[in-house]
């Protein structure tokens, strides 16, 4: 089966946003009274492109891309860890900085991976089901509705697993993160419409998951 070059581009952007978010997430920023990770500016893009994948190509294709993103992120984390273990050159003074940026703890990794998988699959599932229920109308309701569900689960799982029992944990963090991500999705709605309409026209495809098996582990289905 011939793979569309447009699908390859969307997939590449999705995976790039995911890995970039994991790198810059270590920086904490202040937006007024809101304390958020710097990844807030890029991670929601993975949901936007996840919406585009499901809306145009269907849940089956989105499922493959979600697992591809997981695998690519795992590869990045492994080699970042391996690079940390390699002995630094005598003249290189950046080992401490390297470890502070790329030295992920097992707890944070587990929280990130769990949140990502649950959130992305929930996002794709809700959008696919809503598309059938709305008969393809009101795209904005599907993109925002699926993000509310997916980001809600992702954020809740990540923050709970990563920070419970630490001095920095506060339940309000979940609300702040969730609202910020959903807000970005809402603001990006015109962009999502433009990309979806462009792809549907160029690809001559508009997938409805009427008989799709939504098992997230059925990668070959």
N, C-alpha and C. Protein backbone atom coordinates (compact mmCIF):
# COMPACT_ATOMS: atom_id res chain seq x y z
N UNK A 1 0.84 -1.19 0.00
CA UNK A 1 0.00 0.00 0.00
C UNK A 1 0.88 1.25 0.00
N UNK A 2 0.59 2.18 -0.88
CA UNK A 2 1.34 3.42 -0.98
C UNK A 2 0.98 4.35 0.17
N UNK A 3 1.98 4.85 0.85
CA UNK A 3 1.76 5.77 1.97
C UNK A 3 1.85 7.20 1.45
N UNK A 4 0.85 7.99 1.73
CA UNK A 4 0.83 9.38 1.28
C UNK A 4 1.96 10.17 1.92
N UNK A 5 2.60 11.02 1.12
CA UNK A 5 3.67 11.85 1.68
C UNK A 5 3.11 12.85 2.68
N UNK A 6 1.83 13.21 2.53
CA UNK A 6 1.21 14.13 3.49
C UNK A 6 1.04 13.45 4.85
N UNK A 7 0.70 12.17 4.84
CA UNK A 7 0.59 11.42 6.08
C UNK A 7 1.95 11.32 6.76
N UNK A 8 2.99 11.13 5.98
CA UNK A 8 4.35 11.06 6.53
C UNK A 8 4.71 12.38 7.20
N UNK A 9 4.35 13.48 6.58
CA UNK A 9 4.66 14.81 7.14
C UNK A 9 3.91 15.03 8.46
N UNK A 10 2.61 14.70 8.47
CA UNK A 10 1.82 14.85 9.69
C UNK A 10 2.38 13.98 10.81
N UNK A 11 2.77 12.76 10.46
CA UNK A 11 3.35 11.85 11.45
C UNK A 11 4.67 12.40 12.00
N UNK A 12 5.50 12.93 11.12
CA UNK A 12 6.79 13.48 11.55
C UNK A 12 6.59 14.68 12.49
N UNK A 13 5.64 15.52 12.18
CA UNK A 13 5.36 16.68 13.04
C UNK A 13 4.85 16.22 14.40
N UNK A 14 3.96 15.23 14.39
CA UNK A 14 3.41 14.68 15.63
C UNK A 14 4.53 14.17 16.55
N UNK A 15 5.43 13.35 15.99
CA UNK A 15 6.51 12.75 16.78
C UNK A 15 7.49 13.83 17.25
N UNK A 16 7.78 14.80 16.38
CA UNK A 16 8.70 15.88 16.75
C UNK A 16 8.15 16.70 17.90
N UNK A 17 6.86 17.02 17.86
CA UNK A 17 6.24 17.78 18.95
C UNK A 17 6.33 17.01 20.26
N UNK A 18 6.11 15.71 20.20
CA UNK A 18 6.14 14.88 21.40
C UNK A 18 7.53 14.87 22.03
N UNK A 19 8.56 14.64 21.23
CA UNK A 19 9.92 14.57 21.76
C UNK A 19 10.38 15.95 22.24
N UNK A 20 10.05 16.98 21.48
CA UNK A 20 10.42 18.34 21.89
C UNK A 20 9.80 18.70 23.23
N UNK A 21 8.54 18.32 23.41
CA UNK A 21 7.84 18.60 24.67
C UNK A 21 8.55 17.95 25.84
N UNK A 22 9.04 16.73 25.66
CA UNK A 22 9.72 16.04 26.74
C UNK A 22 11.05 16.68 27.10
N UNK A 23 11.70 17.31 26.13
CA UNK A 23 12.98 17.96 26.39
C UNK A 23 12.79 19.27 27.14
N UNK A 24 11.84 20.09 26.69
CA UNK A 24 11.70 21.42 27.29
C UNK A 24 10.80 21.43 28.51
N UNK A 25 10.20 20.28 28.83
CA UNK A 25 9.29 20.22 29.98
C UNK A 25 9.99 20.47 31.30
N UNK A 26 11.32 20.31 31.34
CA UNK A 26 12.04 20.49 32.60
C UNK A 26 12.07 21.96 33.03
N UNK A 27 11.85 22.88 32.08
CA UNK A 27 11.81 24.29 32.45
C UNK A 27 10.41 24.65 32.91
N UNK A 28 10.34 25.29 34.06
CA UNK A 28 9.05 25.74 34.61
C UNK A 28 8.92 27.23 34.35
N UNK A 29 7.78 27.63 33.80
CA UNK A 29 7.56 29.03 33.46
C UNK A 29 6.42 29.60 34.29
N UNK A 30 6.38 30.92 34.37
CA UNK A 30 5.33 31.61 35.09
C UNK A 30 4.57 32.50 34.13
N UNK A 31 3.26 32.25 34.00
CA UNK A 31 2.39 33.08 33.16
C UNK A 31 1.36 33.70 34.09
N UNK A 32 1.67 34.91 34.54
CA UNK A 32 0.82 35.52 35.55
C UNK A 32 0.93 34.72 36.84
N UNK A 33 -0.20 34.25 37.34
CA UNK A 33 -0.21 33.44 38.56
C UNK A 33 -0.13 31.94 38.25
N UNK A 34 -0.04 31.60 36.96
CA UNK A 34 0.00 30.19 36.57
C UNK A 34 1.45 29.72 36.48
N UNK A 35 1.74 28.60 37.12
CA UNK A 35 3.05 27.96 37.03
C UNK A 35 2.90 26.72 36.15
N UNK A 36 3.61 26.72 35.02
CA UNK A 36 3.43 25.66 34.03
C UNK A 36 4.78 25.22 33.47
N UNK A 37 4.85 24.01 32.94
CA UNK A 37 6.09 23.59 32.26
C UNK A 37 6.17 24.26 30.90
N UNK A 38 7.38 24.49 30.42
CA UNK A 38 7.56 25.14 29.11
C UNK A 38 6.95 24.30 28.00
N UNK A 39 6.78 23.00 28.24
CA UNK A 39 6.21 22.11 27.22
C UNK A 39 4.77 22.47 26.88
N UNK A 40 4.15 23.34 27.67
CA UNK A 40 2.77 23.72 27.42
C UNK A 40 2.62 24.39 26.06
N UNK A 41 3.73 24.94 25.53
CA UNK A 41 3.64 25.64 24.25
C UNK A 41 3.70 24.69 23.06
N UNK A 42 4.12 23.44 23.29
CA UNK A 42 4.27 22.52 22.15
C UNK A 42 3.49 21.22 22.30
N UNK A 43 3.35 20.70 23.53
CA UNK A 43 2.69 19.41 23.69
C UNK A 43 1.26 19.38 23.15
N UNK A 44 0.47 20.45 23.35
CA UNK A 44 -0.89 20.43 22.78
C UNK A 44 -0.90 20.25 21.26
N UNK A 45 0.20 20.60 20.59
CA UNK A 45 0.25 20.42 19.14
C UNK A 45 0.16 18.94 18.77
N UNK A 46 0.68 18.07 19.64
CA UNK A 46 0.58 16.64 19.34
C UNK A 46 -0.88 16.21 19.35
N UNK A 47 -1.69 16.82 20.20
CA UNK A 47 -3.12 16.51 20.22
C UNK A 47 -3.82 17.08 18.99
N UNK A 48 -3.40 18.26 18.58
CA UNK A 48 -3.99 18.87 17.39
C UNK A 48 -3.73 17.99 16.17
N UNK A 49 -2.48 17.55 16.02
CA UNK A 49 -2.16 16.69 14.87
C UNK A 49 -2.72 15.29 15.05
N UNK A 50 -2.90 14.87 16.30
CA UNK A 50 -3.61 13.62 16.55
C UNK A 50 -5.06 13.71 16.09
N UNK A 51 -5.68 14.86 16.35
CA UNK A 51 -7.05 15.10 15.87
C UNK A 51 -7.11 15.04 14.35
N UNK A 52 -6.14 15.68 13.72
CA UNK A 52 -6.10 15.71 12.25
C UNK A 52 -5.94 14.29 11.69
N UNK A 53 -5.08 13.50 12.31
CA UNK A 53 -4.88 12.12 11.86
C UNK A 53 -6.17 11.31 11.94
N UNK A 54 -6.86 11.39 13.09
CA UNK A 54 -8.08 10.62 13.27
C UNK A 54 -9.19 11.11 12.36
N UNK A 55 -9.33 12.42 12.26
CA UNK A 55 -10.40 13.01 11.46
C UNK A 55 -10.28 12.66 9.99
N UNK A 56 -9.07 12.68 9.48
CA UNK A 56 -8.85 12.45 8.04
C UNK A 56 -8.61 10.97 7.74
N UNK A 57 -7.67 10.35 8.47
CA UNK A 57 -7.23 9.00 8.13
C UNK A 57 -7.87 7.91 8.99
N UNK A 58 -8.53 8.29 10.09
CA UNK A 58 -9.22 7.31 10.90
C UNK A 58 -8.42 6.80 12.09
N UNK A 59 -9.11 6.14 12.99
CA UNK A 59 -8.51 5.65 14.23
C UNK A 59 -7.42 4.62 13.97
N UNK A 60 -7.61 3.76 12.96
CA UNK A 60 -6.60 2.72 12.70
C UNK A 60 -5.23 3.35 12.43
N UNK A 61 -5.22 4.38 11.60
CA UNK A 61 -3.95 5.02 11.26
C UNK A 61 -3.41 5.80 12.45
N UNK A 62 -4.30 6.48 13.17
CA UNK A 62 -3.86 7.24 14.35
C UNK A 62 -3.24 6.31 15.39
N UNK A 63 -3.82 5.12 15.53
CA UNK A 63 -3.29 4.14 16.49
C UNK A 63 -1.84 3.79 16.17
N UNK A 64 -1.53 3.58 14.91
CA UNK A 64 -0.17 3.26 14.51
C UNK A 64 0.78 4.41 14.82
N UNK A 65 0.32 5.64 14.56
CA UNK A 65 1.16 6.81 14.79
C UNK A 65 1.39 7.03 16.29
N UNK A 66 0.37 6.79 17.09
CA UNK A 66 0.53 6.92 18.54
C UNK A 66 1.60 5.97 19.06
N UNK A 67 1.57 4.73 18.60
CA UNK A 67 2.57 3.77 19.04
C UNK A 67 3.95 4.11 18.47
N UNK A 68 3.98 4.65 17.25
CA UNK A 68 5.25 5.09 16.68
C UNK A 68 5.84 6.21 17.52
N UNK A 69 5.00 7.15 17.94
CA UNK A 69 5.47 8.24 18.80
C UNK A 69 6.02 7.71 20.11
N UNK A 70 5.34 6.72 20.67
CA UNK A 70 5.80 6.09 21.91
C UNK A 70 7.17 5.46 21.71
N UNK A 71 7.33 4.71 20.62
CA UNK A 71 8.60 4.03 20.34
C UNK A 71 9.73 5.03 20.12
N UNK A 72 9.46 6.09 19.36
CA UNK A 72 10.49 7.10 19.09
C UNK A 72 10.90 7.80 20.37
N UNK A 73 9.94 8.10 21.22
CA UNK A 73 10.24 8.74 22.49
C UNK A 73 11.09 7.82 23.37
N UNK A 74 10.77 6.54 23.35
CA UNK A 74 11.53 5.57 24.13
C UNK A 74 12.98 5.50 23.64
N UNK A 75 13.16 5.52 22.33
CA UNK A 75 14.51 5.50 21.75
C UNK A 75 15.29 6.73 22.19
N UNK A 76 14.63 7.89 22.11
CA UNK A 76 15.29 9.14 22.53
C UNK A 76 15.72 9.08 23.99
N UNK A 77 14.81 8.65 24.85
CA UNK A 77 15.11 8.58 26.28
C UNK A 77 16.26 7.62 26.56
N UNK A 78 16.28 6.49 25.87
CA UNK A 78 17.34 5.50 26.09
C UNK A 78 18.71 6.09 25.75
N UNK A 79 18.81 6.74 24.59
CA UNK A 79 20.11 7.26 24.19
C UNK A 79 20.51 8.51 24.97
N UNK A 80 19.52 9.27 25.43
CA UNK A 80 19.84 10.39 26.32
C UNK A 80 20.43 9.87 27.62
N UNK A 81 19.86 8.76 28.12
CA UNK A 81 20.37 8.12 29.33
C UNK A 81 21.77 7.54 29.09
N UNK A 82 21.95 6.89 27.94
CA UNK A 82 23.25 6.32 27.60
C UNK A 82 24.31 7.41 27.48
N UNK A 83 23.93 8.54 26.89
CA UNK A 83 24.86 9.65 26.76
C UNK A 83 25.26 10.21 28.11
N UNK A 84 24.36 10.18 29.05
CA UNK A 84 24.64 10.65 30.40
C UNK A 84 25.68 9.77 31.09
N UNK A 85 25.63 8.47 30.82
CA UNK A 85 26.54 7.53 31.47
C UNK A 85 27.96 7.57 30.89
N UNK A 86 28.10 8.02 29.66
CA UNK A 86 29.42 8.07 29.03
C UNK A 86 30.31 9.06 29.78
N UNK A 87 31.59 8.74 29.98
CA UNK A 87 32.48 9.64 30.72
C UNK A 87 32.72 10.93 29.93
N UNK A 88 32.54 12.08 30.58
CA UNK A 88 32.76 13.35 29.88
C UNK A 88 34.25 13.62 29.64
N UNK A 89 34.54 14.38 28.61
CA UNK A 89 35.92 14.77 28.34
C UNK A 89 36.41 15.67 29.48
N UNK A 90 37.69 15.63 29.79
CA UNK A 90 38.22 16.42 30.92
C UNK A 90 37.93 17.91 30.82
N UNK A 91 37.90 18.44 29.59
CA UNK A 91 37.70 19.88 29.42
C UNK A 91 36.22 20.27 29.34
N UNK A 92 35.32 19.27 29.29
CA UNK A 92 33.89 19.58 29.12
C UNK A 92 33.25 19.79 30.48
N UNK A 93 32.60 20.93 30.65
CA UNK A 93 32.03 21.31 31.95
C UNK A 93 30.50 21.23 31.97
N UNK A 94 29.90 20.54 31.01
CA UNK A 94 28.45 20.56 30.91
C UNK A 94 27.74 19.34 31.45
N UNK A 95 28.46 18.43 32.16
CA UNK A 95 27.83 17.20 32.62
C UNK A 95 26.66 17.46 33.56
N UNK A 96 26.82 18.38 34.49
CA UNK A 96 25.74 18.68 35.44
C UNK A 96 24.53 19.26 34.72
N UNK A 97 24.79 20.14 33.76
CA UNK A 97 23.68 20.73 32.99
C UNK A 97 22.97 19.67 32.16
N UNK A 98 23.77 18.77 31.56
CA UNK A 98 23.19 17.68 30.77
C UNK A 98 22.27 16.84 31.63
N UNK A 99 22.72 16.48 32.83
CA UNK A 99 21.93 15.63 33.71
C UNK A 99 20.67 16.34 34.20
N UNK A 100 20.76 17.65 34.42
CA UNK A 100 19.59 18.38 34.91
C UNK A 100 18.51 18.52 33.84
N UNK A 101 18.92 18.51 32.57
CA UNK A 101 17.94 18.66 31.47
C UNK A 101 17.47 17.30 30.96
N UNK A 102 18.38 16.38 30.77
CA UNK A 102 18.05 15.10 30.14
C UNK A 102 18.11 13.91 31.10
N UNK A 103 18.38 14.16 32.37
CA UNK A 103 18.48 13.07 33.33
C UNK A 103 17.13 12.70 33.92
N UNK A 104 16.29 12.08 33.11
CA UNK A 104 14.95 11.74 33.55
C UNK A 104 14.97 10.68 34.65
N UNK A 105 14.11 10.84 35.65
CA UNK A 105 13.98 9.82 36.69
C UNK A 105 12.98 8.77 36.21
N UNK A 106 13.11 7.52 36.70
CA UNK A 106 12.16 6.47 36.30
C UNK A 106 10.71 6.85 36.59
N UNK A 107 10.49 7.56 37.69
CA UNK A 107 9.12 7.94 38.05
C UNK A 107 8.52 8.90 37.04
N UNK A 108 9.30 9.90 36.63
CA UNK A 108 8.81 10.86 35.65
C UNK A 108 8.57 10.19 34.30
N UNK A 109 9.45 9.28 33.92
CA UNK A 109 9.29 8.58 32.65
C UNK A 109 8.02 7.74 32.65
N UNK A 110 7.80 7.00 33.74
CA UNK A 110 6.60 6.16 33.83
C UNK A 110 5.34 7.02 33.78
N UNK A 111 5.36 8.14 34.49
CA UNK A 111 4.21 9.05 34.49
C UNK A 111 3.96 9.62 33.10
N UNK A 112 5.03 10.01 32.43
CA UNK A 112 4.91 10.59 31.09
C UNK A 112 4.37 9.59 30.09
N UNK A 113 4.93 8.39 30.09
CA UNK A 113 4.50 7.37 29.13
C UNK A 113 3.06 6.93 29.37
N UNK A 114 2.69 6.74 30.64
CA UNK A 114 1.31 6.34 30.95
C UNK A 114 0.32 7.42 30.55
N UNK A 115 0.64 8.66 30.91
CA UNK A 115 -0.25 9.76 30.56
C UNK A 115 -0.40 9.91 29.06
N UNK A 116 0.71 9.79 28.34
CA UNK A 116 0.69 9.92 26.89
C UNK A 116 -0.21 8.87 26.24
N UNK A 117 0.01 7.60 26.58
CA UNK A 117 -0.75 6.53 25.94
C UNK A 117 -2.24 6.62 26.24
N UNK A 118 -2.59 6.79 27.51
CA UNK A 118 -4.00 6.88 27.87
C UNK A 118 -4.64 8.10 27.24
N UNK A 119 -3.97 9.24 27.32
CA UNK A 119 -4.53 10.47 26.79
C UNK A 119 -4.71 10.47 25.29
N UNK A 120 -3.68 10.01 24.57
CA UNK A 120 -3.75 10.03 23.10
C UNK A 120 -4.81 9.06 22.59
N UNK A 121 -4.89 7.86 23.18
CA UNK A 121 -5.89 6.91 22.71
C UNK A 121 -7.30 7.37 23.07
N UNK A 122 -7.46 7.99 24.24
CA UNK A 122 -8.77 8.52 24.60
C UNK A 122 -9.16 9.64 23.65
N UNK A 123 -8.21 10.50 23.31
CA UNK A 123 -8.47 11.60 22.39
C UNK A 123 -8.94 11.09 21.03
N UNK A 124 -8.21 10.10 20.50
CA UNK A 124 -8.54 9.56 19.18
C UNK A 124 -9.88 8.81 19.21
N UNK A 125 -10.11 8.04 20.26
CA UNK A 125 -11.36 7.28 20.39
C UNK A 125 -12.57 8.21 20.45
N UNK A 126 -12.49 9.23 21.31
CA UNK A 126 -13.62 10.16 21.46
C UNK A 126 -13.90 10.89 20.16
N UNK A 127 -12.84 11.34 19.47
CA UNK A 127 -13.06 12.05 18.22
C UNK A 127 -13.70 11.16 17.17
N UNK A 128 -13.21 9.92 17.05
CA UNK A 128 -13.76 9.00 16.06
C UNK A 128 -15.23 8.71 16.32
N UNK A 129 -15.58 8.49 17.59
CA UNK A 129 -16.97 8.20 17.95
C UNK A 129 -17.86 9.43 17.74
N UNK A 130 -17.36 10.61 18.10
CA UNK A 130 -18.14 11.83 17.93
C UNK A 130 -18.37 12.14 16.45
N UNK A 131 -17.41 11.76 15.61
CA UNK A 131 -17.57 12.00 14.17
C UNK A 131 -18.75 11.21 13.63
N UNK A 132 -18.90 9.99 14.11
CA UNK A 132 -20.03 9.17 13.69
C UNK A 132 -21.34 9.75 14.22
N UNK A 133 -21.34 10.14 15.49
CA UNK A 133 -22.55 10.67 16.11
C UNK A 133 -23.00 11.99 15.47
N UNK A 134 -22.03 12.82 15.09
CA UNK A 134 -22.36 14.12 14.49
C UNK A 134 -22.47 14.05 12.97
N UNK A 135 -22.26 12.84 12.42
CA UNK A 135 -22.30 12.63 10.97
C UNK A 135 -21.33 13.56 10.22
N UNK A 136 -20.20 13.76 10.83
CA UNK A 136 -19.16 14.55 10.18
C UNK A 136 -19.32 16.04 10.30
N UNK A 137 -20.33 16.50 11.02
CA UNK A 137 -20.55 17.94 11.20
C UNK A 137 -19.85 18.43 12.46
N UNK A 138 -19.75 19.76 12.57
CA UNK A 138 -19.25 20.40 13.80
C UNK A 138 -17.89 19.88 14.22
N UNK A 139 -16.93 20.00 13.33
CA UNK A 139 -15.57 19.55 13.62
C UNK A 139 -15.05 20.15 14.93
N UNK A 140 -15.37 21.41 15.18
CA UNK A 140 -14.89 22.07 16.39
C UNK A 140 -15.33 21.33 17.66
N UNK A 141 -16.53 20.78 17.62
CA UNK A 141 -17.02 20.06 18.81
C UNK A 141 -16.22 18.79 19.05
N UNK A 142 -15.76 18.16 17.96
CA UNK A 142 -14.99 16.92 18.10
C UNK A 142 -13.56 17.20 18.57
N UNK A 143 -12.94 18.21 17.98
CA UNK A 143 -11.56 18.50 18.36
C UNK A 143 -11.46 18.98 19.81
N UNK A 144 -12.36 19.85 20.18
CA UNK A 144 -12.32 20.37 21.56
C UNK A 144 -12.82 19.31 22.54
N UNK A 145 -13.90 18.61 22.19
CA UNK A 145 -14.44 17.58 23.08
C UNK A 145 -13.44 16.46 23.33
N UNK A 146 -12.77 16.01 22.27
CA UNK A 146 -11.79 14.93 22.44
C UNK A 146 -10.59 15.41 23.24
N UNK A 147 -10.21 16.67 23.08
CA UNK A 147 -9.09 17.21 23.84
C UNK A 147 -9.44 17.34 25.31
N UNK A 148 -10.66 17.74 25.60
CA UNK A 148 -11.09 17.83 27.00
C UNK A 148 -10.92 16.47 27.68
N UNK A 149 -11.33 15.41 26.98
CA UNK A 149 -11.21 14.06 27.55
C UNK A 149 -9.75 13.60 27.59
N UNK A 150 -9.06 13.69 26.44
CA UNK A 150 -7.70 13.18 26.35
C UNK A 150 -6.72 13.94 27.23
N UNK A 151 -6.76 15.27 27.16
CA UNK A 151 -5.85 16.06 27.98
C UNK A 151 -6.19 15.95 29.45
N UNK A 152 -7.49 15.79 29.76
CA UNK A 152 -7.88 15.62 31.15
C UNK A 152 -7.25 14.37 31.75
N UNK A 153 -7.32 13.27 31.01
CA UNK A 153 -6.73 12.02 31.47
C UNK A 153 -5.20 12.10 31.50
N UNK A 154 -4.62 12.61 30.43
CA UNK A 154 -3.18 12.72 30.34
C UNK A 154 -2.63 13.54 31.50
N UNK A 155 -3.18 14.73 31.69
CA UNK A 155 -2.69 15.63 32.73
C UNK A 155 -2.88 15.04 34.12
N UNK A 156 -4.05 14.46 34.37
CA UNK A 156 -4.33 13.89 35.69
C UNK A 156 -3.37 12.75 36.01
N UNK A 157 -3.16 11.87 35.02
CA UNK A 157 -2.28 10.71 35.25
C UNK A 157 -0.84 11.16 35.45
N UNK A 158 -0.37 12.05 34.58
CA UNK A 158 1.03 12.47 34.67
C UNK A 158 1.33 13.18 35.98
N UNK A 159 0.56 14.18 36.31
CA UNK A 159 0.85 14.96 37.52
C UNK A 159 0.67 14.11 38.78
N UNK A 160 -0.36 13.27 38.80
CA UNK A 160 -0.59 12.42 39.98
C UNK A 160 0.56 11.45 40.18
N UNK A 161 0.97 10.75 39.10
CA UNK A 161 2.05 9.77 39.22
C UNK A 161 3.42 10.42 39.45
N UNK A 162 3.62 11.58 38.85
CA UNK A 162 4.94 12.21 38.91
C UNK A 162 5.19 12.99 40.19
N UNK A 163 4.14 13.59 40.76
CA UNK A 163 4.38 14.53 41.85
C UNK A 163 3.69 14.23 43.18
N UNK A 164 2.82 13.24 43.22
CA UNK A 164 2.17 12.92 44.50
C UNK A 164 3.22 12.54 45.55
N UNK A 165 3.11 13.17 46.72
CA UNK A 165 4.05 12.90 47.79
C UNK A 165 5.27 13.80 47.78
N UNK A 166 5.38 14.68 46.77
CA UNK A 166 6.51 15.62 46.71
C UNK A 166 6.03 17.00 47.13
N UNK A 167 6.94 17.87 47.57
CA UNK A 167 6.55 19.21 48.01
C UNK A 167 5.90 20.06 46.91
N UNK A 168 6.20 19.75 45.65
CA UNK A 168 5.68 20.56 44.55
C UNK A 168 4.27 20.16 44.10
N UNK A 169 3.74 19.06 44.69
CA UNK A 169 2.43 18.60 44.24
C UNK A 169 1.30 19.42 44.84
N UNK A 170 0.37 19.78 43.97
CA UNK A 170 -0.86 20.45 44.39
C UNK A 170 -1.92 20.10 43.37
N UNK A 171 -3.08 19.62 43.80
CA UNK A 171 -4.12 19.22 42.86
C UNK A 171 -4.49 20.30 41.86
N UNK A 172 -4.34 21.57 42.26
CA UNK A 172 -4.70 22.66 41.36
C UNK A 172 -3.82 22.67 40.13
N UNK A 173 -2.62 22.04 40.21
CA UNK A 173 -1.74 21.94 39.05
C UNK A 173 -2.45 21.26 37.89
N UNK A 174 -3.25 20.24 38.21
CA UNK A 174 -3.95 19.49 37.17
C UNK A 174 -4.92 20.41 36.43
N UNK A 175 -5.65 21.21 37.18
CA UNK A 175 -6.61 22.12 36.57
C UNK A 175 -5.93 23.16 35.69
N UNK A 176 -4.83 23.74 36.20
CA UNK A 176 -4.10 24.75 35.42
C UNK A 176 -3.60 24.18 34.10
N UNK A 177 -2.97 23.02 34.18
CA UNK A 177 -2.42 22.40 32.97
C UNK A 177 -3.53 22.05 31.99
N UNK A 178 -4.59 21.47 32.50
CA UNK A 178 -5.70 21.03 31.65
C UNK A 178 -6.35 22.22 30.94
N UNK A 179 -6.62 23.29 31.69
CA UNK A 179 -7.24 24.47 31.10
C UNK A 179 -6.35 25.10 30.04
N UNK A 180 -5.05 25.15 30.30
CA UNK A 180 -4.12 25.75 29.34
C UNK A 180 -4.09 24.95 28.05
N UNK A 181 -4.05 23.62 28.16
CA UNK A 181 -3.99 22.77 26.97
C UNK A 181 -5.28 22.84 26.15
N UNK A 182 -6.41 22.80 26.83
CA UNK A 182 -7.70 22.90 26.14
C UNK A 182 -7.84 24.28 25.49
N UNK A 183 -7.35 25.30 26.17
CA UNK A 183 -7.41 26.65 25.62
C UNK A 183 -6.61 26.77 24.33
N UNK A 184 -5.42 26.16 24.31
CA UNK A 184 -4.60 26.18 23.09
C UNK A 184 -5.32 25.45 21.96
N UNK A 185 -5.95 24.34 22.27
CA UNK A 185 -6.71 23.59 21.26
C UNK A 185 -7.83 24.45 20.69
N UNK A 186 -8.54 25.17 21.54
CA UNK A 186 -9.65 26.01 21.09
C UNK A 186 -9.14 27.14 20.19
N UNK A 187 -8.05 27.76 20.60
CA UNK A 187 -7.48 28.86 19.81
C UNK A 187 -7.00 28.36 18.45
N UNK A 188 -6.51 27.13 18.41
CA UNK A 188 -5.97 26.55 17.17
C UNK A 188 -7.04 25.99 16.25
N UNK A 189 -8.32 26.10 16.62
CA UNK A 189 -9.40 25.51 15.81
C UNK A 189 -9.38 25.95 14.35
N UNK A 190 -9.19 27.23 14.05
CA UNK A 190 -9.14 27.62 12.62
C UNK A 190 -8.01 26.93 11.87
N UNK A 191 -6.85 26.76 12.53
CA UNK A 191 -5.73 26.05 11.90
C UNK A 191 -6.11 24.59 11.64
N UNK A 192 -6.75 23.96 12.63
CA UNK A 192 -7.17 22.57 12.47
C UNK A 192 -8.14 22.43 11.30
N UNK A 193 -9.10 23.32 11.21
CA UNK A 193 -10.05 23.31 10.10
C UNK A 193 -9.33 23.41 8.76
N UNK A 194 -8.37 24.33 8.67
CA UNK A 194 -7.66 24.55 7.41
C UNK A 194 -6.89 23.31 6.99
N UNK A 195 -6.18 22.69 7.93
CA UNK A 195 -5.38 21.51 7.59
C UNK A 195 -6.27 20.33 7.25
N UNK A 196 -7.34 20.13 8.02
CA UNK A 196 -8.26 19.01 7.76
C UNK A 196 -8.91 19.15 6.38
N UNK A 197 -9.40 20.33 6.08
CA UNK A 197 -10.05 20.55 4.78
C UNK A 197 -9.07 20.37 3.62
N UNK A 198 -7.83 20.84 3.83
CA UNK A 198 -6.81 20.69 2.79
C UNK A 198 -6.51 19.21 2.53
N UNK A 199 -6.31 18.45 3.61
CA UNK A 199 -5.96 17.04 3.48
C UNK A 199 -7.11 16.22 2.88
N UNK A 200 -8.32 16.49 3.32
CA UNK A 200 -9.46 15.75 2.77
C UNK A 200 -9.59 15.98 1.26
N UNK A 201 -9.32 17.19 0.85
CA UNK A 201 -9.42 17.51 -0.58
C UNK A 201 -8.29 16.87 -1.37
N UNK A 202 -7.07 17.00 -0.87
CA UNK A 202 -5.91 16.47 -1.59
C UNK A 202 -5.85 14.94 -1.57
N UNK A 203 -6.24 14.35 -0.43
CA UNK A 203 -6.18 12.90 -0.29
C UNK A 203 -7.43 12.21 -0.81
N UNK A 204 -8.48 12.99 -1.02
CA UNK A 204 -9.78 12.44 -1.43
C UNK A 204 -10.21 11.34 -0.46
N UNK A 205 -10.12 11.67 0.84
CA UNK A 205 -10.45 10.71 1.88
C UNK A 205 -11.11 11.42 3.05
N UNK A 206 -12.06 10.76 3.66
CA UNK A 206 -12.74 11.28 4.85
C UNK A 206 -13.23 10.06 5.63
N UNK A 207 -12.40 9.55 6.52
CA UNK A 207 -12.63 8.25 7.14
C UNK A 207 -13.64 8.30 8.28
N UNK A 208 -14.57 7.34 8.26
CA UNK A 208 -15.50 7.12 9.36
C UNK A 208 -15.22 5.73 9.93
N UNK A 209 -15.01 5.67 11.24
CA UNK A 209 -14.66 4.39 11.88
C UNK A 209 -15.92 3.62 12.27
N UNK A 210 -16.73 3.27 11.29
CA UNK A 210 -18.00 2.59 11.55
C UNK A 210 -17.80 1.18 12.11
N UNK A 211 -16.85 0.46 11.58
CA UNK A 211 -16.65 -0.93 12.00
C UNK A 211 -15.24 -1.16 12.53
N UNK A 212 -14.65 -0.12 13.05
CA UNK A 212 -13.27 -0.21 13.54
C UNK A 212 -13.20 -0.91 14.89
N UNK A 213 -12.19 -1.75 15.04
CA UNK A 213 -11.88 -2.35 16.33
C UNK A 213 -11.00 -1.33 17.08
N UNK A 214 -11.51 -0.80 18.18
CA UNK A 214 -10.83 0.27 18.89
C UNK A 214 -9.83 -0.23 19.93
N UNK A 215 -9.50 -1.51 19.89
CA UNK A 215 -8.48 -2.03 20.80
C UNK A 215 -7.16 -1.31 20.54
N UNK A 216 -6.62 -0.57 21.51
CA UNK A 216 -5.39 0.19 21.26
C UNK A 216 -4.17 -0.67 20.99
N UNK A 217 -4.23 -1.95 21.34
CA UNK A 217 -3.06 -2.83 21.16
C UNK A 217 -3.10 -3.58 19.82
N UNK A 218 -4.14 -3.37 19.04
CA UNK A 218 -4.28 -4.05 17.75
C UNK A 218 -3.58 -3.19 16.68
N UNK A 219 -2.27 -3.16 16.74
CA UNK A 219 -1.50 -2.25 15.89
C UNK A 219 -1.65 -2.58 14.42
N UNK A 220 -1.74 -3.85 14.08
CA UNK A 220 -1.80 -4.24 12.67
C UNK A 220 -3.21 -4.17 12.09
N UNK A 221 -4.21 -3.87 12.93
CA UNK A 221 -5.60 -3.86 12.46
C UNK A 221 -5.99 -2.62 11.70
